[in-house]
Amino acid sequence: MLSLWRLARAAARRVRRLPREAADALGGRHLGEGARSDRLYLAILIVTPITVICWWLLGQVTIVMSPSIEAMVVRPDPGPIAKGDYVMFTLSHALAGAEPVSVTKHALCMPGERLNMIEKPSSVSRSEWDGWYFCNGVLLNVSKPFARDGMHLPHLLWAGPIPSGLVFVGSPSPNGFDSRYFGLVPLAALTRARRLL
């Protein structure tokens, strides 16, 4: 308890010295020379536009936190959504967490295209089944019966054309959380995106 008290006192002394150190940093060429207001104004003139530009840029892009998508940074890109486009949407699902999350995926199978899911015995567990998803006969991905934490992952059962206004979204990653598990997504809920990084 005593060492915690000493640490708090040392931190308080350091915080009290910060204004003096900042004044010295903006001051003359020698430590303790005193603050020069012209240097302060120059620093404000340089830092303020940079801060405003960074704030504006951050509002224009989305940082993709999921390793299942090959993009790290995307931005909205107005226009009609085509097969293969990056799409962003808000997902509310128990496996994604208590709060809705922003998700970036690919539009993999579009309205009117034929989506077929074939169940095969799982390579992970003999008592489970994997879903193999095909769009117009092309393999999109395979579902897994369990998440990394061991939670059971029920998969989408589907065979036939995708109805108007719905899209199958996903990624090339076998570990992605996508339409294999949460189902088709309304086209109206998607925002087309462009990869920046």
N, C-alpha and C. Protein backbone atom coordinates (compact mmCIF):
# COMPACT_ATOMS: atom_id res chain seq x y z
N MET A 1 0.82 -1.19 0.00
CA MET A 1 0.00 0.00 0.00
C MET A 1 0.86 1.25 0.00
N LEU A 2 2.00 1.19 0.77
CA LEU A 2 2.90 2.33 0.87
C LEU A 2 3.55 2.63 -0.48
N SER A 3 3.94 1.57 -1.23
CA SER A 3 4.57 1.78 -2.54
C SER A 3 3.57 2.38 -3.53
N LEU A 4 2.31 2.01 -3.42
CA LEU A 4 1.27 2.59 -4.28
C LEU A 4 1.12 4.07 -3.98
N TRP A 5 1.16 4.44 -2.69
CA TRP A 5 1.07 5.85 -2.29
C TRP A 5 2.27 6.63 -2.84
N ARG A 6 3.46 6.07 -2.76
CA ARG A 6 4.66 6.74 -3.29
C ARG A 6 4.56 6.92 -4.80
N LEU A 7 4.07 5.91 -5.47
CA LEU A 7 3.90 5.99 -6.92
C LEU A 7 2.91 7.08 -7.29
N ALA A 8 1.81 7.20 -6.55
CA ALA A 8 0.81 8.25 -6.81
C ALA A 8 1.40 9.63 -6.58
N ARG A 9 2.19 9.79 -5.50
CA ARG A 9 2.82 11.09 -5.23
C ARG A 9 3.81 11.47 -6.32
N ALA A 10 4.59 10.49 -6.79
CA ALA A 10 5.56 10.76 -7.86
C ALA A 10 4.84 11.15 -9.15
N ALA A 11 3.74 10.48 -9.44
CA ALA A 11 2.95 10.82 -10.64
C ALA A 11 2.36 12.22 -10.52
N ALA A 12 1.89 12.59 -9.33
CA ALA A 12 1.32 13.93 -9.12
C ALA A 12 2.39 15.00 -9.31
N ARG A 13 3.61 14.76 -8.79
CA ARG A 13 4.70 15.72 -8.98
C ARG A 13 5.02 15.88 -10.46
N ARG A 14 5.01 14.77 -11.18
CA ARG A 14 5.32 14.79 -12.63
C ARG A 14 4.25 15.59 -13.38
N VAL A 15 3.01 15.39 -13.04
CA VAL A 15 1.91 16.12 -13.69
C VAL A 15 2.01 17.61 -13.41
N ARG A 16 2.39 17.99 -12.16
CA ARG A 16 2.54 19.42 -11.82
C ARG A 16 3.67 20.08 -12.61
N ARG A 17 4.70 19.30 -12.99
CA ARG A 17 5.83 19.86 -13.74
C ARG A 17 5.54 19.99 -15.24
N LEU A 18 4.49 19.34 -15.73
CA LEU A 18 4.22 19.34 -17.17
C LEU A 18 4.06 20.74 -17.77
N PRO A 19 3.28 21.66 -17.16
CA PRO A 19 3.17 22.99 -17.76
C PRO A 19 4.52 23.69 -17.89
N ARG A 20 5.37 23.57 -16.89
CA ARG A 20 6.71 24.20 -16.94
C ARG A 20 7.55 23.58 -18.06
N GLU A 21 7.49 22.25 -18.19
CA GLU A 21 8.26 21.59 -19.24
C GLU A 21 7.74 21.96 -20.63
N ALA A 22 6.42 22.10 -20.75
CA ALA A 22 5.85 22.53 -22.03
C ALA A 22 6.29 23.94 -22.36
N ALA A 23 6.29 24.83 -21.34
CA ALA A 23 6.75 26.21 -21.57
C ALA A 23 8.21 26.23 -21.96
N ASP A 24 9.02 25.39 -21.33
CA ASP A 24 10.43 25.32 -21.70
C ASP A 24 10.60 24.81 -23.13
N ALA A 25 9.79 23.83 -23.50
CA ALA A 25 9.88 23.29 -24.85
C ALA A 25 9.51 24.33 -25.89
N LEU A 26 8.59 25.22 -25.57
CA LEU A 26 8.19 26.28 -26.50
C LEU A 26 9.01 27.55 -26.32
N GLY A 27 9.93 27.51 -25.38
CA GLY A 27 10.70 28.71 -25.06
C GLY A 27 11.92 28.87 -25.94
N GLY A 28 12.94 29.46 -25.38
CA GLY A 28 14.15 29.78 -26.12
C GLY A 28 15.00 28.56 -26.37
N ARG A 29 16.26 28.84 -26.67
CA ARG A 29 17.16 27.76 -27.02
C ARG A 29 17.71 27.03 -25.80
N HIS A 30 17.58 27.62 -24.63
CA HIS A 30 18.14 27.03 -23.43
C HIS A 30 17.02 26.71 -22.44
N LEU A 31 17.21 25.63 -21.69
CA LEU A 31 16.24 25.21 -20.69
C LEU A 31 16.07 26.30 -19.64
N GLY A 32 14.83 26.62 -19.29
CA GLY A 32 14.54 27.63 -18.29
C GLY A 32 14.50 29.05 -18.81
N GLU A 33 14.62 29.23 -20.12
CA GLU A 33 14.63 30.57 -20.70
C GLU A 33 13.26 31.23 -20.68
N GLY A 34 12.21 30.44 -20.55
CA GLY A 34 10.87 31.02 -20.52
C GLY A 34 10.14 30.83 -21.84
N ALA A 35 8.83 30.89 -21.76
CA ALA A 35 7.99 30.65 -22.94
C ALA A 35 8.02 31.84 -23.88
N ARG A 36 7.93 31.55 -25.18
CA ARG A 36 7.82 32.59 -26.19
C ARG A 36 6.49 32.37 -26.90
N SER A 37 5.62 33.35 -26.82
CA SER A 37 4.28 33.19 -27.38
C SER A 37 4.31 32.98 -28.89
N ASP A 38 5.29 33.56 -29.60
CA ASP A 38 5.34 33.35 -31.05
C ASP A 38 5.53 31.88 -31.39
N ARG A 39 6.31 31.15 -30.57
CA ARG A 39 6.49 29.72 -30.81
C ARG A 39 5.20 28.95 -30.53
N LEU A 40 4.48 29.36 -29.50
CA LEU A 40 3.21 28.73 -29.19
C LEU A 40 2.23 28.90 -30.35
N TYR A 41 2.13 30.14 -30.87
CA TYR A 41 1.21 30.39 -31.98
C TYR A 41 1.63 29.63 -33.23
N LEU A 42 2.92 29.53 -33.49
CA LEU A 42 3.40 28.77 -34.63
C LEU A 42 3.03 27.28 -34.48
N ALA A 43 3.20 26.75 -33.26
CA ALA A 43 2.83 25.35 -33.02
C ALA A 43 1.33 25.14 -33.24
N ILE A 44 0.51 26.08 -32.77
CA ILE A 44 -0.94 25.97 -32.97
C ILE A 44 -1.28 26.05 -34.44
N LEU A 45 -0.63 26.94 -35.20
CA LEU A 45 -0.89 27.08 -36.64
C LEU A 45 -0.51 25.81 -37.41
N ILE A 46 0.48 25.10 -36.93
CA ILE A 46 0.89 23.86 -37.61
C ILE A 46 0.00 22.69 -37.20
N VAL A 47 -0.25 22.55 -35.91
CA VAL A 47 -0.96 21.38 -35.40
C VAL A 47 -2.46 21.42 -35.71
N THR A 48 -3.10 22.59 -35.66
CA THR A 48 -4.55 22.68 -35.85
C THR A 48 -5.00 22.16 -37.22
N PRO A 49 -4.41 22.62 -38.35
CA PRO A 49 -4.87 22.07 -39.64
C PRO A 49 -4.62 20.57 -39.78
N ILE A 50 -3.49 20.11 -39.25
CA ILE A 50 -3.21 18.67 -39.31
C ILE A 50 -4.26 17.89 -38.53
N THR A 51 -4.63 18.40 -37.36
CA THR A 51 -5.65 17.74 -36.54
C THR A 51 -6.99 17.71 -37.25
N VAL A 52 -7.40 18.83 -37.85
CA VAL A 52 -8.68 18.90 -38.55
C VAL A 52 -8.71 17.94 -39.73
N ILE A 53 -7.62 17.90 -40.51
CA ILE A 53 -7.55 17.00 -41.67
C ILE A 53 -7.62 15.54 -41.21
N CYS A 54 -6.87 15.18 -40.17
CA CYS A 54 -6.92 13.80 -39.66
C CYS A 54 -8.30 13.44 -39.15
N TRP A 55 -8.95 14.36 -38.43
CA TRP A 55 -10.31 14.13 -37.92
C TRP A 55 -11.26 13.89 -39.09
N TRP A 56 -11.15 14.69 -40.16
CA TRP A 56 -12.03 14.54 -41.33
C TRP A 56 -11.75 13.20 -42.02
N LEU A 57 -10.48 12.85 -42.20
CA LEU A 57 -10.13 11.61 -42.88
C LEU A 57 -10.62 10.38 -42.11
N LEU A 58 -10.51 10.42 -40.79
CA LEU A 58 -10.97 9.28 -40.00
C LEU A 58 -12.47 9.06 -40.14
N GLY A 59 -13.21 10.13 -40.38
CA GLY A 59 -14.65 10.00 -40.59
C GLY A 59 -15.01 9.44 -41.95
N GLN A 60 -14.04 9.44 -42.88
CA GLN A 60 -14.29 8.98 -44.25
C GLN A 60 -13.89 7.53 -44.49
N VAL A 61 -13.15 6.94 -43.56
CA VAL A 61 -12.66 5.58 -43.77
C VAL A 61 -13.08 4.68 -42.62
N THR A 62 -13.04 3.37 -42.88
CA THR A 62 -13.31 2.37 -41.86
C THR A 62 -12.10 1.46 -41.76
N ILE A 63 -11.62 1.27 -40.55
CA ILE A 63 -10.51 0.35 -40.31
C ILE A 63 -11.11 -1.03 -40.08
N VAL A 64 -10.70 -1.98 -40.89
CA VAL A 64 -11.22 -3.35 -40.81
C VAL A 64 -10.39 -4.12 -39.78
N MET A 65 -11.06 -4.57 -38.73
CA MET A 65 -10.37 -5.26 -37.65
C MET A 65 -10.34 -6.78 -37.84
N SER A 66 -11.09 -7.30 -38.79
CA SER A 66 -11.19 -8.74 -38.97
C SER A 66 -10.09 -9.26 -39.88
N PRO A 67 -9.41 -10.33 -39.50
CA PRO A 67 -8.40 -10.91 -40.39
C PRO A 67 -9.02 -11.72 -41.54
N SER A 68 -10.34 -11.87 -41.54
CA SER A 68 -10.98 -12.68 -42.59
C SER A 68 -11.10 -11.94 -43.92
N ILE A 69 -10.90 -10.62 -43.90
CA ILE A 69 -10.96 -9.82 -45.13
C ILE A 69 -9.56 -9.31 -45.43
N GLU A 70 -9.19 -9.31 -46.71
CA GLU A 70 -7.84 -8.92 -47.10
C GLU A 70 -7.62 -7.41 -47.10
N ALA A 71 -8.62 -6.63 -46.78
CA ALA A 71 -8.48 -5.17 -46.70
C ALA A 71 -8.26 -4.75 -45.25
N MET A 72 -7.44 -3.70 -45.07
CA MET A 72 -7.24 -3.14 -43.73
C MET A 72 -8.01 -1.84 -43.55
N VAL A 73 -8.16 -1.08 -44.65
CA VAL A 73 -8.88 0.19 -44.60
C VAL A 73 -9.77 0.28 -45.83
N VAL A 74 -11.06 0.59 -45.63
CA VAL A 74 -12.00 0.76 -46.73
C VAL A 74 -12.74 2.08 -46.54
N ARG A 75 -13.34 2.55 -47.62
CA ARG A 75 -14.18 3.74 -47.54
C ARG A 75 -15.45 3.50 -48.34
N PRO A 76 -16.55 4.14 -47.96
CA PRO A 76 -17.78 3.99 -48.74
C PRO A 76 -17.55 4.42 -50.19
N ASP A 77 -18.14 3.69 -51.12
CA ASP A 77 -17.98 3.97 -52.54
C ASP A 77 -19.37 3.88 -53.19
N PRO A 78 -20.06 5.01 -53.31
CA PRO A 78 -21.44 4.98 -53.81
C PRO A 78 -21.55 4.27 -55.16
N GLY A 79 -22.68 3.66 -55.35
CA GLY A 79 -22.95 2.97 -56.60
C GLY A 79 -23.63 1.64 -56.33
N PRO A 80 -24.13 1.00 -57.39
CA PRO A 80 -24.80 -0.29 -57.22
C PRO A 80 -23.79 -1.36 -56.81
N ILE A 81 -24.25 -2.28 -55.98
CA ILE A 81 -23.40 -3.36 -55.49
C ILE A 81 -23.38 -4.49 -56.52
N ALA A 82 -22.16 -4.91 -56.88
CA ALA A 82 -21.98 -6.00 -57.83
C ALA A 82 -21.32 -7.18 -57.10
N LYS A 83 -21.40 -8.33 -57.70
CA LYS A 83 -20.79 -9.53 -57.13
C LYS A 83 -19.29 -9.31 -56.96
N GLY A 84 -18.78 -9.64 -55.77
CA GLY A 84 -17.36 -9.48 -55.47
C GLY A 84 -17.00 -8.18 -54.79
N ASP A 85 -17.92 -7.20 -54.80
CA ASP A 85 -17.64 -5.91 -54.16
C ASP A 85 -17.47 -6.07 -52.66
N TYR A 86 -16.66 -5.16 -52.08
CA TYR A 86 -16.63 -5.04 -50.63
C TYR A 86 -17.94 -4.39 -50.21
N VAL A 87 -18.51 -4.87 -49.12
CA VAL A 87 -19.73 -4.27 -48.58
C VAL A 87 -19.59 -4.13 -47.07
N MET A 88 -20.17 -3.04 -46.55
CA MET A 88 -20.18 -2.80 -45.11
C MET A 88 -21.62 -2.80 -44.62
N PHE A 89 -21.82 -3.28 -43.40
CA PHE A 89 -23.15 -3.28 -42.81
C PHE A 89 -23.02 -3.44 -41.31
N THR A 90 -24.11 -3.23 -40.61
CA THR A 90 -24.13 -3.40 -39.16
C THR A 90 -24.75 -4.74 -38.84
N LEU A 91 -24.04 -5.53 -38.02
CA LEU A 91 -24.49 -6.88 -37.67
C LEU A 91 -24.88 -6.94 -36.20
N SER A 92 -26.07 -7.44 -35.96
CA SER A 92 -26.52 -7.74 -34.59
C SER A 92 -26.70 -9.25 -34.50
N HIS A 93 -25.83 -9.89 -33.74
CA HIS A 93 -25.88 -11.34 -33.60
C HIS A 93 -25.24 -11.71 -32.27
N ALA A 94 -25.79 -12.72 -31.63
CA ALA A 94 -25.29 -13.14 -30.30
C ALA A 94 -23.81 -13.50 -30.35
N LEU A 95 -23.35 -14.15 -31.42
CA LEU A 95 -21.95 -14.54 -31.51
C LEU A 95 -21.02 -13.37 -31.78
N ALA A 96 -21.56 -12.26 -32.29
CA ALA A 96 -20.74 -11.08 -32.56
C ALA A 96 -20.61 -10.18 -31.34
N GLY A 97 -21.41 -10.43 -30.30
CA GLY A 97 -21.35 -9.64 -29.08
C GLY A 97 -22.68 -9.01 -28.75
N ALA A 98 -22.71 -8.36 -27.61
CA ALA A 98 -23.96 -7.76 -27.12
C ALA A 98 -24.35 -6.52 -27.92
N GLU A 99 -23.36 -5.78 -28.41
CA GLU A 99 -23.62 -4.56 -29.18
C GLU A 99 -23.51 -4.83 -30.67
N PRO A 100 -24.29 -4.12 -31.50
CA PRO A 100 -24.12 -4.25 -32.96
C PRO A 100 -22.71 -3.85 -33.37
N VAL A 101 -22.17 -4.54 -34.38
CA VAL A 101 -20.82 -4.25 -34.86
C VAL A 101 -20.83 -3.94 -36.35
N SER A 102 -19.89 -3.11 -36.77
CA SER A 102 -19.72 -2.80 -38.18
C SER A 102 -18.91 -3.92 -38.81
N VAL A 103 -19.39 -4.45 -39.93
CA VAL A 103 -18.77 -5.61 -40.57
C VAL A 103 -18.46 -5.27 -42.02
N THR A 104 -17.33 -5.76 -42.51
CA THR A 104 -16.95 -5.62 -43.92
C THR A 104 -16.77 -7.01 -44.50
N LYS A 105 -17.45 -7.29 -45.59
CA LYS A 105 -17.37 -8.59 -46.27
C LYS A 105 -17.39 -8.35 -47.78
N HIS A 106 -17.48 -9.45 -48.53
CA HIS A 106 -17.68 -9.40 -49.98
C HIS A 106 -19.11 -9.83 -50.29
N ALA A 107 -19.70 -9.25 -51.33
CA ALA A 107 -20.98 -9.74 -51.85
C ALA A 107 -20.64 -10.94 -52.73
N LEU A 108 -20.98 -12.15 -52.28
CA LEU A 108 -20.54 -13.36 -52.97
C LEU A 108 -21.59 -14.02 -53.85
N CYS A 109 -22.86 -13.87 -53.48
CA CYS A 109 -23.92 -14.49 -54.28
C CYS A 109 -25.11 -13.53 -54.26
N MET A 110 -25.52 -13.10 -55.45
CA MET A 110 -26.47 -12.00 -55.59
C MET A 110 -27.90 -12.50 -55.81
N PRO A 111 -28.87 -11.58 -55.69
CA PRO A 111 -30.27 -11.97 -55.93
C PRO A 111 -30.44 -12.61 -57.32
N GLY A 112 -31.18 -13.72 -57.35
CA GLY A 112 -31.43 -14.43 -58.60
C GLY A 112 -30.42 -15.53 -58.87
N GLU A 113 -29.25 -15.47 -58.24
CA GLU A 113 -28.27 -16.53 -58.44
C GLU A 113 -28.65 -17.73 -57.57
N ARG A 114 -28.18 -18.90 -57.99
CA ARG A 114 -28.55 -20.12 -57.27
C ARG A 114 -27.52 -20.43 -56.19
N LEU A 115 -28.00 -20.45 -54.94
CA LEU A 115 -27.16 -20.79 -53.80
C LEU A 115 -27.55 -22.18 -53.32
N ASN A 116 -26.59 -23.07 -53.28
CA ASN A 116 -26.83 -24.42 -52.79
C ASN A 116 -25.88 -24.73 -51.65
N MET A 117 -26.43 -25.34 -50.61
CA MET A 117 -25.62 -25.79 -49.49
C MET A 117 -25.75 -27.30 -49.42
N ILE A 118 -24.59 -27.96 -49.41
CA ILE A 118 -24.56 -29.42 -49.31
C ILE A 118 -23.89 -29.77 -47.99
N GLU A 119 -24.56 -30.60 -47.20
CA GLU A 119 -23.97 -31.02 -45.93
C GLU A 119 -23.13 -32.28 -46.14
N LYS A 120 -21.95 -32.23 -45.51
CA LYS A 120 -21.04 -33.37 -45.54
C LYS A 120 -20.54 -33.59 -44.11
N PRO A 121 -20.16 -34.82 -43.76
CA PRO A 121 -19.62 -35.06 -42.42
C PRO A 121 -18.42 -34.14 -42.15
N SER A 122 -18.39 -33.62 -40.96
CA SER A 122 -17.36 -32.66 -40.60
C SER A 122 -16.00 -33.32 -40.43
N SER A 123 -14.96 -32.62 -40.84
CA SER A 123 -13.60 -33.10 -40.64
C SER A 123 -13.13 -32.83 -39.20
N VAL A 124 -13.90 -32.02 -38.47
CA VAL A 124 -13.54 -31.64 -37.10
C VAL A 124 -14.15 -32.60 -36.08
N SER A 125 -15.41 -33.01 -36.32
CA SER A 125 -16.12 -33.86 -35.38
C SER A 125 -16.98 -34.85 -36.14
N ARG A 126 -16.90 -36.11 -35.78
CA ARG A 126 -17.67 -37.14 -36.49
C ARG A 126 -19.17 -37.00 -36.30
N SER A 127 -19.58 -36.36 -35.22
CA SER A 127 -21.02 -36.23 -34.95
C SER A 127 -21.62 -34.95 -35.54
N GLU A 128 -20.81 -34.14 -36.20
CA GLU A 128 -21.27 -32.86 -36.75
C GLU A 128 -21.21 -32.87 -38.27
N TRP A 129 -21.84 -31.84 -38.86
CA TRP A 129 -21.89 -31.70 -40.31
C TRP A 129 -21.36 -30.32 -40.70
N ASP A 130 -20.66 -30.27 -41.82
CA ASP A 130 -20.20 -29.01 -42.41
C ASP A 130 -21.13 -28.66 -43.56
N GLY A 131 -21.33 -27.37 -43.77
CA GLY A 131 -22.11 -26.92 -44.93
C GLY A 131 -21.18 -26.42 -46.02
N TRP A 132 -21.29 -26.98 -47.21
CA TRP A 132 -20.49 -26.55 -48.36
C TRP A 132 -21.38 -25.65 -49.21
N TYR A 133 -20.99 -24.40 -49.38
CA TYR A 133 -21.83 -23.40 -50.05
C TYR A 133 -21.33 -23.14 -51.47
N PHE A 134 -22.26 -23.27 -52.42
CA PHE A 134 -21.96 -23.08 -53.84
C PHE A 134 -22.87 -22.00 -54.41
N CYS A 135 -22.29 -21.07 -55.18
CA CYS A 135 -23.10 -20.08 -55.91
C CYS A 135 -22.95 -20.38 -57.39
N ASN A 136 -24.05 -20.74 -58.02
CA ASN A 136 -24.05 -21.15 -59.43
C ASN A 136 -22.99 -22.22 -59.69
N GLY A 137 -22.85 -23.16 -58.77
CA GLY A 137 -21.94 -24.28 -58.92
C GLY A 137 -20.50 -24.01 -58.49
N VAL A 138 -20.17 -22.78 -58.10
CA VAL A 138 -18.80 -22.43 -57.68
C VAL A 138 -18.73 -22.43 -56.15
N LEU A 139 -17.78 -23.17 -55.59
CA LEU A 139 -17.63 -23.25 -54.13
C LEU A 139 -17.25 -21.89 -53.56
N LEU A 140 -18.04 -21.42 -52.59
CA LEU A 140 -17.76 -20.16 -51.90
C LEU A 140 -16.93 -20.40 -50.65
N ASN A 141 -17.38 -21.32 -49.81
CA ASN A 141 -16.69 -21.62 -48.57
C ASN A 141 -17.39 -22.78 -47.88
N VAL A 142 -16.79 -23.24 -46.79
CA VAL A 142 -17.32 -24.37 -46.02
C VAL A 142 -17.50 -23.91 -44.58
N SER A 143 -18.65 -24.23 -44.00
CA SER A 143 -18.89 -23.85 -42.60
C SER A 143 -18.15 -24.80 -41.66
N LYS A 144 -17.99 -24.34 -40.43
CA LYS A 144 -17.39 -25.16 -39.38
C LYS A 144 -18.44 -25.39 -38.31
N PRO A 145 -18.38 -26.52 -37.61
CA PRO A 145 -19.39 -26.79 -36.59
C PRO A 145 -19.17 -26.02 -35.28
N PHE A 146 -17.92 -25.57 -35.05
CA PHE A 146 -17.62 -24.90 -33.79
C PHE A 146 -16.75 -23.66 -34.03
N ALA A 147 -16.96 -22.64 -33.19
CA ALA A 147 -16.10 -21.46 -33.20
C ALA A 147 -14.80 -21.80 -32.49
N ARG A 148 -13.84 -20.89 -32.53
CA ARG A 148 -12.54 -21.13 -31.88
C ARG A 148 -12.69 -21.36 -30.37
N ASP A 149 -13.70 -20.71 -29.77
CA ASP A 149 -13.90 -20.87 -28.32
C ASP A 149 -14.72 -22.11 -27.97
N GLY A 150 -15.06 -22.93 -28.98
CA GLY A 150 -15.81 -24.15 -28.75
C GLY A 150 -17.32 -24.00 -28.86
N MET A 151 -17.81 -22.77 -29.05
CA MET A 151 -19.26 -22.56 -29.17
C MET A 151 -19.78 -23.19 -30.47
N HIS A 152 -20.93 -23.85 -30.37
CA HIS A 152 -21.53 -24.48 -31.54
C HIS A 152 -21.99 -23.43 -32.55
N LEU A 153 -21.69 -23.66 -33.83
CA LEU A 153 -22.07 -22.73 -34.90
C LEU A 153 -23.10 -23.38 -35.82
N PRO A 154 -24.38 -23.12 -35.61
CA PRO A 154 -25.36 -23.63 -36.58
C PRO A 154 -25.17 -22.91 -37.92
N HIS A 155 -25.31 -23.65 -39.02
CA HIS A 155 -25.10 -23.01 -40.32
C HIS A 155 -26.40 -22.90 -41.11
N LEU A 156 -26.37 -21.98 -42.07
CA LEU A 156 -27.52 -21.68 -42.92
C LEU A 156 -27.86 -22.87 -43.82
N LEU A 157 -29.12 -23.28 -43.78
CA LEU A 157 -29.60 -24.33 -44.69
C LEU A 157 -30.28 -23.64 -45.86
N TRP A 158 -29.79 -23.91 -47.09
CA TRP A 158 -30.36 -23.22 -48.24
C TRP A 158 -30.13 -24.03 -49.51
N ALA A 159 -31.13 -24.04 -50.37
CA ALA A 159 -31.00 -24.63 -51.71
C ALA A 159 -31.99 -23.93 -52.62
N GLY A 160 -31.46 -23.19 -53.60
CA GLY A 160 -32.33 -22.51 -54.55
C GLY A 160 -31.87 -21.10 -54.83
N PRO A 161 -32.64 -20.38 -55.64
CA PRO A 161 -32.26 -19.02 -55.98
C PRO A 161 -32.34 -18.09 -54.77
N ILE A 162 -31.48 -17.10 -54.75
CA ILE A 162 -31.52 -16.08 -53.70
C ILE A 162 -32.64 -15.11 -54.05
N PRO A 163 -33.56 -14.86 -53.12
CA PRO A 163 -34.68 -13.96 -53.40
C PRO A 163 -34.21 -12.52 -53.68
N SER A 164 -35.04 -11.80 -54.36
CA SER A 164 -34.76 -10.39 -54.65
C SER A 164 -34.55 -9.63 -53.34
N GLY A 165 -33.54 -8.77 -53.33
CA GLY A 165 -33.29 -7.93 -52.17
C GLY A 165 -32.40 -8.55 -51.11
N LEU A 166 -31.91 -9.79 -51.33
CA LEU A 166 -31.04 -10.44 -50.35
C LEU A 166 -29.71 -10.82 -51.00
N VAL A 167 -28.66 -10.90 -50.19
CA VAL A 167 -27.31 -11.20 -50.67
C VAL A 167 -26.62 -12.15 -49.69
N PHE A 168 -25.83 -13.08 -50.24
CA PHE A 168 -24.96 -13.93 -49.44
C PHE A 168 -23.62 -13.21 -49.37
N VAL A 169 -23.18 -12.86 -48.14
CA VAL A 169 -21.91 -12.15 -47.96
C VAL A 169 -20.91 -13.06 -47.27
N GLY A 170 -19.63 -12.86 -47.58
CA GLY A 170 -18.61 -13.69 -46.96
C GLY A 170 -17.22 -13.22 -47.30
N SER A 171 -16.27 -14.12 -47.08
CA SER A 171 -14.87 -13.81 -47.33
C SER A 171 -14.17 -15.09 -47.74
N PRO A 172 -12.94 -14.97 -48.23
CA PRO A 172 -12.22 -16.18 -48.61
C PRO A 172 -11.72 -16.98 -47.41
N SER A 173 -11.76 -16.40 -46.23
CA SER A 173 -11.23 -17.06 -45.03
C SER A 173 -12.15 -18.19 -44.56
N PRO A 174 -11.58 -19.36 -44.27
CA PRO A 174 -12.41 -20.44 -43.72
C PRO A 174 -12.89 -20.14 -42.30
N ASN A 175 -12.24 -19.17 -41.63
CA ASN A 175 -12.60 -18.82 -40.26
C ASN A 175 -13.50 -17.59 -40.16
N GLY A 176 -13.93 -17.03 -41.28
CA GLY A 176 -14.78 -15.84 -41.24
C GLY A 176 -16.16 -16.12 -40.68
N PHE A 177 -16.73 -15.10 -40.07
CA PHE A 177 -18.11 -15.19 -39.57
C PHE A 177 -18.97 -14.43 -40.57
N ASP A 178 -19.76 -15.15 -41.35
CA ASP A 178 -20.47 -14.53 -42.46
C ASP A 178 -21.83 -15.20 -42.69
N SER A 179 -22.36 -15.06 -43.90
CA SER A 179 -23.71 -15.59 -44.20
C SER A 179 -23.84 -17.08 -43.98
N ARG A 180 -22.74 -17.80 -43.94
CA ARG A 180 -22.81 -19.24 -43.62
C ARG A 180 -23.48 -19.45 -42.27
N TYR A 181 -23.33 -18.47 -41.37
CA TYR A 181 -23.82 -18.61 -40.00
C TYR A 181 -24.99 -17.67 -39.68
N PHE A 182 -24.96 -16.43 -40.19
CA PHE A 182 -26.05 -15.51 -39.83
C PHE A 182 -27.06 -15.31 -40.95
N GLY A 183 -26.89 -15.97 -42.08
CA GLY A 183 -27.89 -15.94 -43.14
C GLY A 183 -27.71 -14.82 -44.15
N LEU A 184 -28.66 -14.73 -45.05
CA LEU A 184 -28.62 -13.73 -46.11
C LEU A 184 -28.86 -12.34 -45.52
N VAL A 185 -28.27 -11.33 -46.16
CA VAL A 185 -28.35 -9.95 -45.66
C VAL A 185 -29.15 -9.12 -46.66
N PRO A 186 -30.05 -8.24 -46.18
CA PRO A 186 -30.80 -7.38 -47.10
C PRO A 186 -29.86 -6.47 -47.89
N LEU A 187 -30.06 -6.41 -49.18
CA LEU A 187 -29.26 -5.55 -50.05
C LEU A 187 -29.34 -4.10 -49.60
N ALA A 188 -30.51 -3.68 -49.11
CA ALA A 188 -30.70 -2.30 -48.67
C ALA A 188 -29.86 -1.96 -47.44
N ALA A 189 -29.42 -2.97 -46.68
CA ALA A 189 -28.62 -2.72 -45.48
C ALA A 189 -27.13 -2.61 -45.79
N LEU A 190 -26.74 -2.89 -47.04
CA LEU A 190 -25.33 -2.90 -47.42
C LEU A 190 -24.90 -1.56 -48.01
N THR A 191 -23.66 -1.19 -47.71
CA THR A 191 -23.02 -0.03 -48.32
C THR A 191 -21.83 -0.53 -49.11
N ARG A 192 -21.78 -0.20 -50.38
CA ARG A 192 -20.64 -0.59 -51.21
C ARG A 192 -19.39 0.12 -50.70
N ALA A 193 -18.25 -0.57 -50.73
CA ALA A 193 -17.00 -0.01 -50.21
C ALA A 193 -15.86 -0.27 -51.19
N ARG A 194 -14.84 0.56 -51.04
CA ARG A 194 -13.63 0.42 -51.85
C ARG A 194 -12.43 0.23 -50.93
N ARG A 195 -11.56 -0.68 -51.28
CA ARG A 195 -10.37 -0.93 -50.47
C ARG A 195 -9.35 0.19 -50.69
N LEU A 196 -8.83 0.73 -49.58
CA LEU A 196 -7.75 1.71 -49.65
C LEU A 196 -6.40 1.08 -49.30
N LEU A 197 -6.40 0.21 -48.30
CA LEU A 197 -5.18 -0.52 -47.90
C LEU A 197 -5.52 -1.98 -47.67
